[in-house]
């Protein structure tokens, strides 16, 4: 087994790709699109959808914040956006439907 730097980077990239792909494939976009068109979707429904989508794309966002081709300030904003969404995701289990409405 080769342990060259390129080989190790390829292995890491493959694991990252697999993790991102596996995470994205957890989304049922057809169902989510149907739910989006339902008139009068509640705040809780929309929040649940935000949490579901963010959880699926979080690995991809993490990778994008490290890509040197993306300007440093853009990566910083993307990382801040991700941290902000993570704070919302963490707070959601404490939210009781109807209690805070």
N, C-alpha and C. Protein backbone atom coordinates (compact mmCIF):
# COMPACT_ATOMS: atom_id res chain seq x y z
N UNK A 1 0.85 -1.18 0.00
CA UNK A 1 0.00 0.00 0.00
C UNK A 1 0.89 1.24 0.00
N UNK A 2 0.59 2.15 -0.89
CA UNK A 2 1.37 3.38 -1.01
C UNK A 2 0.95 4.36 0.07
N UNK A 3 1.91 5.04 0.62
CA UNK A 3 1.61 6.06 1.63
C UNK A 3 2.10 7.42 1.16
N UNK A 4 2.24 7.58 -0.16
CA UNK A 4 2.68 8.87 -0.68
C UNK A 4 1.67 9.94 -0.31
N UNK A 5 2.13 11.18 -0.32
CA UNK A 5 1.27 12.30 0.04
C UNK A 5 0.04 12.35 -0.88
N UNK A 6 0.26 12.18 -2.18
CA UNK A 6 -0.87 12.23 -3.13
C UNK A 6 -1.88 11.12 -2.84
N UNK A 7 -1.36 9.93 -2.56
CA UNK A 7 -2.25 8.81 -2.28
C UNK A 7 -3.07 9.09 -1.01
N UNK A 8 -2.45 9.61 0.00
CA UNK A 8 -3.15 9.92 1.25
C UNK A 8 -4.20 11.00 1.02
N UNK A 9 -3.87 12.01 0.21
CA UNK A 9 -4.83 13.08 -0.08
C UNK A 9 -6.01 12.52 -0.87
N UNK A 10 -5.74 11.62 -1.81
CA UNK A 10 -6.82 11.00 -2.58
C UNK A 10 -7.73 10.18 -1.69
N UNK A 11 -7.15 9.46 -0.75
CA UNK A 11 -7.95 8.66 0.18
C UNK A 11 -8.83 9.55 1.05
N UNK A 12 -8.25 10.66 1.54
CA UNK A 12 -9.01 11.59 2.37
C UNK A 12 -10.13 12.23 1.56
N UNK A 13 -9.83 12.62 0.32
CA UNK A 13 -10.84 13.23 -0.53
C UNK A 13 -11.96 12.25 -0.82
N UNK A 14 -11.62 11.00 -1.03
CA UNK A 14 -12.63 9.98 -1.30
C UNK A 14 -13.54 9.80 -0.10
N UNK A 15 -12.96 9.75 1.09
CA UNK A 15 -13.78 9.62 2.31
C UNK A 15 -14.67 10.85 2.47
N UNK A 16 -14.13 12.04 2.18
CA UNK A 16 -14.91 13.26 2.29
C UNK A 16 -16.05 13.24 1.29
N UNK A 17 -15.75 12.88 0.04
CA UNK A 17 -16.78 12.80 -1.00
C UNK A 17 -17.87 11.81 -0.58
N UNK A 18 -17.47 10.65 -0.10
CA UNK A 18 -18.44 9.64 0.33
C UNK A 18 -19.32 10.16 1.46
N UNK A 19 -18.71 10.86 2.41
CA UNK A 19 -19.48 11.40 3.54
C UNK A 19 -20.48 12.45 3.06
N UNK A 20 -20.03 13.34 2.16
CA UNK A 20 -20.93 14.37 1.63
C UNK A 20 -22.05 13.72 0.83
N UNK A 21 -21.70 12.80 -0.05
CA UNK A 21 -22.69 12.15 -0.89
C UNK A 21 -23.71 11.38 -0.05
N UNK A 22 -23.25 10.66 0.94
CA UNK A 22 -24.14 9.89 1.82
C UNK A 22 -25.08 10.85 2.56
N UNK A 23 -24.57 11.96 3.01
CA UNK A 23 -25.37 12.93 3.74
C UNK A 23 -26.42 13.57 2.84
N UNK A 24 -26.03 13.97 1.64
CA UNK A 24 -26.96 14.59 0.70
C UNK A 24 -28.07 13.61 0.30
N UNK A 25 -27.71 12.34 0.15
CA UNK A 25 -28.69 11.34 -0.27
C UNK A 25 -29.73 11.04 0.81
N UNK A 26 -29.54 11.55 2.03
CA UNK A 26 -30.55 11.35 3.07
C UNK A 26 -31.78 12.24 2.84
N UNK A 27 -31.64 13.25 1.98
CA UNK A 27 -32.75 14.16 1.72
C UNK A 27 -33.74 13.55 0.73
N UNK A 28 -35.00 13.69 1.01
CA UNK A 28 -36.06 13.29 0.09
C UNK A 28 -36.61 14.58 -0.52
N UNK A 29 -35.92 15.06 -1.56
CA UNK A 29 -36.26 16.36 -2.13
C UNK A 29 -37.68 16.40 -2.69
N UNK A 30 -38.16 15.31 -3.26
CA UNK A 30 -39.52 15.30 -3.82
C UNK A 30 -40.55 15.59 -2.72
N UNK A 31 -40.41 14.94 -1.60
CA UNK A 31 -41.33 15.16 -0.48
C UNK A 31 -41.19 16.58 0.05
N UNK A 32 -39.95 17.04 0.15
CA UNK A 32 -39.72 18.40 0.66
C UNK A 32 -40.32 19.44 -0.27
N UNK A 33 -40.24 19.23 -1.57
CA UNK A 33 -40.84 20.16 -2.53
C UNK A 33 -42.35 20.16 -2.39
N UNK A 34 -42.96 18.99 -2.18
CA UNK A 34 -44.40 18.92 -1.97
C UNK A 34 -44.81 19.68 -0.72
N UNK A 35 -44.05 19.50 0.35
CA UNK A 35 -44.35 20.19 1.60
C UNK A 35 -44.21 21.70 1.44
N UNK A 36 -43.26 22.11 0.59
CA UNK A 36 -43.04 23.53 0.37
C UNK A 36 -44.25 24.18 -0.28
N UNK A 37 -44.95 23.43 -1.12
CA UNK A 37 -46.08 24.00 -1.84
C UNK A 37 -47.36 23.99 -1.02
N UNK A 38 -47.36 23.31 0.09
CA UNK A 38 -48.55 23.28 0.93
C UNK A 38 -48.76 24.68 1.52
N UNK A 39 -49.92 25.24 1.23
CA UNK A 39 -50.22 26.58 1.72
C UNK A 39 -50.32 26.58 3.24
N UNK A 40 -49.80 27.62 3.83
CA UNK A 40 -49.91 27.79 5.26
C UNK A 40 -49.03 26.88 6.09
N UNK A 41 -47.89 26.46 5.55
CA UNK A 41 -46.98 25.63 6.34
C UNK A 41 -46.59 26.41 7.59
N UNK A 42 -46.61 25.73 8.69
CA UNK A 42 -46.34 26.39 9.96
C UNK A 42 -44.85 26.69 10.13
N UNK A 43 -44.59 27.56 11.08
CA UNK A 43 -43.20 27.89 11.41
C UNK A 43 -42.44 26.65 11.84
N UNK A 44 -43.07 25.80 12.61
CA UNK A 44 -42.42 24.58 13.10
C UNK A 44 -42.07 23.66 11.93
N UNK A 45 -42.98 23.53 10.96
CA UNK A 45 -42.72 22.70 9.78
C UNK A 45 -41.53 23.25 9.00
N UNK A 46 -41.51 24.55 8.81
CA UNK A 46 -40.40 25.18 8.08
C UNK A 46 -39.09 25.05 8.83
N UNK A 47 -39.16 25.17 10.15
CA UNK A 47 -37.95 25.02 10.96
C UNK A 47 -37.42 23.59 10.89
N UNK A 48 -38.32 22.62 10.95
CA UNK A 48 -37.92 21.22 10.81
C UNK A 48 -37.24 20.98 9.46
N UNK A 49 -37.79 21.58 8.41
CA UNK A 49 -37.20 21.41 7.09
C UNK A 49 -35.81 22.06 7.02
N UNK A 50 -35.66 23.22 7.63
CA UNK A 50 -34.35 23.88 7.68
C UNK A 50 -33.33 23.00 8.38
N UNK A 51 -33.72 22.42 9.50
CA UNK A 51 -32.82 21.55 10.24
C UNK A 51 -32.44 20.32 9.41
N UNK A 52 -33.41 19.74 8.73
CA UNK A 52 -33.15 18.56 7.90
C UNK A 52 -32.17 18.87 6.77
N UNK A 53 -32.43 19.97 6.07
CA UNK A 53 -31.57 20.33 4.94
C UNK A 53 -30.17 20.71 5.44
N UNK A 54 -30.09 21.52 6.49
CA UNK A 54 -28.78 21.92 7.00
C UNK A 54 -27.96 20.70 7.45
N UNK A 55 -28.60 19.77 8.13
CA UNK A 55 -27.90 18.58 8.59
C UNK A 55 -27.31 17.81 7.41
N UNK A 56 -28.05 17.78 6.30
CA UNK A 56 -27.57 17.06 5.11
C UNK A 56 -26.42 17.79 4.41
N UNK A 57 -26.47 19.11 4.37
CA UNK A 57 -25.45 19.85 3.62
C UNK A 57 -24.27 20.31 4.48
N UNK A 58 -24.35 20.09 5.78
CA UNK A 58 -23.28 20.54 6.67
C UNK A 58 -21.90 20.01 6.27
N UNK A 59 -21.75 18.74 5.92
CA UNK A 59 -20.42 18.28 5.49
C UNK A 59 -19.90 19.01 4.24
N UNK A 60 -20.81 19.31 3.32
CA UNK A 60 -20.40 20.01 2.11
C UNK A 60 -19.98 21.44 2.44
N UNK A 61 -20.70 22.10 3.31
CA UNK A 61 -20.34 23.45 3.72
C UNK A 61 -18.97 23.45 4.40
N UNK A 62 -18.74 22.44 5.24
CA UNK A 62 -17.45 22.35 5.93
C UNK A 62 -16.30 22.25 4.93
N UNK A 63 -16.50 21.47 3.88
CA UNK A 63 -15.45 21.34 2.85
C UNK A 63 -15.28 22.65 2.10
N UNK A 64 -16.38 23.29 1.74
CA UNK A 64 -16.28 24.54 1.00
C UNK A 64 -15.54 25.64 1.76
N UNK A 65 -15.61 25.60 3.08
CA UNK A 65 -14.91 26.62 3.88
C UNK A 65 -13.40 26.41 3.87
N UNK A 66 -12.94 25.31 3.28
CA UNK A 66 -11.50 25.05 3.23
C UNK A 66 -10.92 25.12 1.83
N UNK A 67 -11.76 25.35 0.81
CA UNK A 67 -11.29 25.36 -0.58
C UNK A 67 -10.56 26.66 -0.87
N UNK A 68 -9.26 26.58 -1.19
CA UNK A 68 -8.48 27.80 -1.41
C UNK A 68 -8.91 28.61 -2.63
N UNK A 69 -9.64 28.01 -3.57
CA UNK A 69 -10.11 28.75 -4.74
C UNK A 69 -11.20 29.75 -4.38
N UNK A 70 -11.87 29.52 -3.27
CA UNK A 70 -12.90 30.45 -2.80
C UNK A 70 -12.19 31.53 -1.99
N UNK A 71 -12.48 32.80 -2.27
CA UNK A 71 -11.82 33.89 -1.53
C UNK A 71 -11.95 33.71 -0.02
N UNK A 72 -10.91 34.10 0.68
CA UNK A 72 -10.84 33.92 2.14
C UNK A 72 -12.04 34.56 2.86
N UNK A 73 -12.42 35.76 2.45
CA UNK A 73 -13.56 36.42 3.11
C UNK A 73 -14.85 35.66 2.86
N UNK A 74 -15.02 35.09 1.66
CA UNK A 74 -16.21 34.30 1.37
C UNK A 74 -16.25 33.06 2.25
N UNK A 75 -15.07 32.42 2.40
CA UNK A 75 -15.00 31.22 3.24
C UNK A 75 -15.33 31.56 4.68
N UNK A 76 -14.86 32.73 5.14
CA UNK A 76 -15.13 33.15 6.51
C UNK A 76 -16.64 33.38 6.72
N UNK A 77 -17.28 34.01 5.76
CA UNK A 77 -18.72 34.25 5.85
C UNK A 77 -19.48 32.93 5.82
N UNK A 78 -19.06 32.02 4.96
CA UNK A 78 -19.70 30.71 4.88
C UNK A 78 -19.55 29.94 6.20
N UNK A 79 -18.38 30.03 6.80
CA UNK A 79 -18.16 29.38 8.10
C UNK A 79 -19.04 30.02 9.18
N UNK A 80 -19.17 31.35 9.16
CA UNK A 80 -20.02 32.04 10.13
C UNK A 80 -21.49 31.64 9.93
N UNK A 81 -21.91 31.57 8.68
CA UNK A 81 -23.27 31.14 8.35
C UNK A 81 -23.52 29.73 8.90
N UNK A 82 -22.57 28.85 8.70
CA UNK A 82 -22.71 27.48 9.18
C UNK A 82 -22.80 27.45 10.71
N UNK A 83 -21.96 28.21 11.38
CA UNK A 83 -22.01 28.26 12.85
C UNK A 83 -23.35 28.82 13.33
N UNK A 84 -23.87 29.81 12.61
CA UNK A 84 -25.16 30.40 12.98
C UNK A 84 -26.29 29.39 12.83
N UNK A 85 -26.28 28.66 11.73
CA UNK A 85 -27.30 27.62 11.54
C UNK A 85 -27.15 26.50 12.57
N UNK A 86 -25.92 26.17 12.90
CA UNK A 86 -25.68 25.13 13.90
C UNK A 86 -26.30 25.54 15.24
N UNK A 87 -26.21 26.82 15.58
CA UNK A 87 -26.80 27.32 16.83
C UNK A 87 -28.32 27.14 16.80
N UNK A 88 -28.94 27.37 15.64
CA UNK A 88 -30.38 27.16 15.50
C UNK A 88 -30.71 25.68 15.65
N UNK A 89 -29.94 24.83 14.99
CA UNK A 89 -30.18 23.39 15.04
C UNK A 89 -30.08 22.88 16.47
N UNK A 90 -29.12 23.36 17.20
CA UNK A 90 -28.94 22.94 18.59
C UNK A 90 -30.14 23.40 19.45
N UNK A 91 -30.68 24.58 19.14
CA UNK A 91 -31.79 25.12 19.93
C UNK A 91 -33.13 24.46 19.60
N UNK A 92 -33.26 23.86 18.44
CA UNK A 92 -34.55 23.29 18.02
C UNK A 92 -35.10 22.24 18.97
N UNK A 93 -34.32 21.29 19.47
CA UNK A 93 -34.91 20.30 20.39
C UNK A 93 -35.52 20.93 21.63
N UNK A 94 -35.02 22.08 22.05
CA UNK A 94 -35.57 22.75 23.22
C UNK A 94 -36.87 23.47 22.91
N UNK A 95 -37.14 23.67 21.63
CA UNK A 95 -38.36 24.35 21.20
C UNK A 95 -39.54 23.39 21.29
N UNK A 96 -40.55 23.79 22.00
CA UNK A 96 -41.76 22.97 22.13
C UNK A 96 -42.85 23.61 21.29
N UNK A 97 -43.37 22.88 20.33
CA UNK A 97 -44.40 23.41 19.44
C UNK A 97 -45.57 23.98 20.23
N UNK A 98 -45.92 25.22 19.96
CA UNK A 98 -47.02 25.86 20.63
C UNK A 98 -46.65 26.59 21.90
N UNK A 99 -45.59 26.12 22.58
CA UNK A 99 -45.19 26.73 23.85
C UNK A 99 -44.68 28.16 23.63
N UNK A 100 -43.88 28.36 22.59
CA UNK A 100 -43.25 29.65 22.38
C UNK A 100 -43.96 30.49 21.32
N UNK A 101 -45.11 30.04 20.86
CA UNK A 101 -45.80 30.78 19.79
C UNK A 101 -46.63 31.91 20.34
